[in-house]
Amino acid sequence: MISEDKKREKVAAFGANFKRDNSEQVESYSLSELRDADAMLADRDLNAGFRIALRNRIGDLEKGDDRKHESKVRAWNLVTGIVIGLVVAGLASLLFG
């Protein structure tokens, strides 16, 4: 968990980003920090521009995490397929060769 001051800092950064398009500061925050800041806001200001920007950034980071996970799964599937193929080829050559 991050402190209330840090949460307020993130909310203020998104408010400033929404007004001035200062995306560098916003992009430096981690997904957990952004989720904490969003949770701090609870149900107030749901339609505020900075709140929408905050949730969009959270969504972008979550998609990035999902893509990384999917890439790792595909890589493991490929490696597993190759290993199984080699084992089957080795066994076939021993049995039929």
Protein backbone atom coordinates (compact mmCIF):
# COMPACT_ATOMS: atom_id res chain seq x y z
CA MET A 1 0.00 0.00 0.00
CA ILE A 2 1.12 3.51 -0.66
CA SER A 3 0.56 6.43 1.67
CA GLU A 4 -2.30 8.87 1.33
CA ASP A 5 0.17 11.60 0.28
CA LYS A 6 1.49 9.41 -2.56
CA LYS A 7 -2.05 8.64 -3.67
CA ARG A 8 -2.92 12.33 -3.72
CA GLU A 9 0.27 12.99 -5.70
CA LYS A 10 -0.81 10.49 -8.36
CA VAL A 11 -4.31 11.93 -8.55
CA ALA A 12 -2.85 15.43 -8.87
CA ALA A 13 -0.49 14.24 -11.60
CA PHE A 14 -3.39 12.84 -13.60
CA GLY A 15 -5.33 16.06 -13.09
CA ALA A 16 -2.33 18.05 -14.35
CA ASN A 17 -1.76 15.60 -17.21
CA PHE A 18 -5.35 15.94 -18.30
CA LYS A 19 -5.04 19.74 -18.36
CA ARG A 20 -1.52 20.10 -19.83
CA ASP A 21 -0.74 16.74 -21.44
CA ASN A 22 2.26 16.06 -19.23
CA SER A 23 2.36 12.31 -19.82
CA GLU A 24 5.95 11.71 -18.66
CA GLN A 25 5.06 11.92 -14.98
CA VAL A 26 1.95 9.79 -15.43
CA GLU A 27 3.84 7.05 -17.26
CA SER A 28 6.34 6.68 -14.41
CA TYR A 29 3.75 5.24 -12.01
CA SER A 30 3.36 1.49 -11.55
CA LEU A 31 0.10 -0.37 -12.00
CA SER A 32 -0.27 -0.99 -8.25
CA GLU A 33 0.26 2.70 -7.47
CA LEU A 34 -2.38 3.68 -9.99
CA ARG A 35 -4.85 1.12 -8.67
CA ASP A 36 -4.33 2.44 -5.14
CA ALA A 37 -4.93 6.00 -6.30
CA ASP A 38 -8.08 4.93 -8.15
CA ALA A 39 -9.32 3.09 -5.07
CA MET A 40 -8.70 6.18 -2.96
CA LEU A 41 -11.09 8.13 -5.15
CA ALA A 42 -13.80 5.48 -4.59
CA ASP A 43 -17.01 6.50 -6.35
CA ARG A 44 -16.52 10.24 -6.48
CA ASP A 45 -15.60 12.09 -9.66
CA LEU A 46 -16.37 9.04 -11.83
CA ASN A 47 -16.77 11.15 -14.94
CA ALA A 48 -13.95 13.61 -14.28
CA GLY A 49 -11.50 13.76 -17.15
CA PHE A 50 -8.51 12.89 -15.02
CA ARG A 51 -10.35 9.90 -13.54
CA ILE A 52 -11.09 8.60 -17.02
CA ALA A 53 -7.43 9.15 -17.95
CA LEU A 54 -6.38 7.29 -14.80
CA ARG A 55 -8.59 4.32 -15.60
CA ASN A 56 -7.44 4.31 -19.23
CA ARG A 57 -3.81 4.17 -18.08
CA ILE A 58 -4.64 1.30 -15.71
CA GLY A 59 -6.31 -0.54 -18.60
CA ASP A 60 -3.30 0.02 -20.86
CA LEU A 61 -0.92 -1.36 -18.22
CA GLU A 62 -3.15 -4.37 -17.60
CA LYS A 63 -3.25 -5.13 -21.33
CA GLY A 64 0.54 -4.92 -21.43
CA ASP A 65 0.80 -7.39 -18.55
CA ASP A 66 -1.64 -9.73 -20.28
CA ARG A 67 0.38 -9.60 -23.49
CA LYS A 68 3.61 -10.39 -21.64
CA HIS A 69 1.96 -13.37 -19.98
CA GLU A 70 0.53 -14.62 -23.27
CA SER A 71 3.96 -14.32 -24.91
CA LYS A 72 5.53 -16.39 -22.14
CA VAL A 73 2.84 -19.04 -22.47
CA ARG A 74 3.35 -19.22 -26.25
CA ALA A 75 7.12 -19.53 -25.79
CA TRP A 76 6.73 -22.36 -23.28
CA ASN A 77 4.27 -24.11 -25.59
CA LEU A 78 6.77 -23.89 -28.43
CA VAL A 79 9.65 -25.22 -26.32
CA THR A 80 7.47 -28.03 -24.97
CA GLY A 81 6.38 -28.96 -28.49
CA ILE A 82 9.96 -29.08 -29.73
CA VAL A 83 11.11 -31.20 -26.77
CA ILE A 84 8.21 -33.63 -27.20
CA GLY A 85 8.92 -33.83 -30.93
CA LEU A 86 12.58 -34.64 -30.30
CA VAL A 87 11.71 -37.28 -27.71
CA VAL A 88 9.20 -38.91 -30.06
CA ALA A 89 11.70 -38.82 -32.95
CA GLY A 90 14.40 -40.35 -30.71
CA LEU A 91 12.09 -43.11 -29.52
CA ALA A 92 10.91 -43.82 -33.07
CA SER A 93 14.48 -44.12 -34.31
CA LEU A 94 15.33 -46.50 -31.45
CA LEU A 95 12.25 -48.65 -31.97
CA PHE A 96 12.14 -48.69 -35.77
CA GLY A 97 15.74 -47.95 -36.71
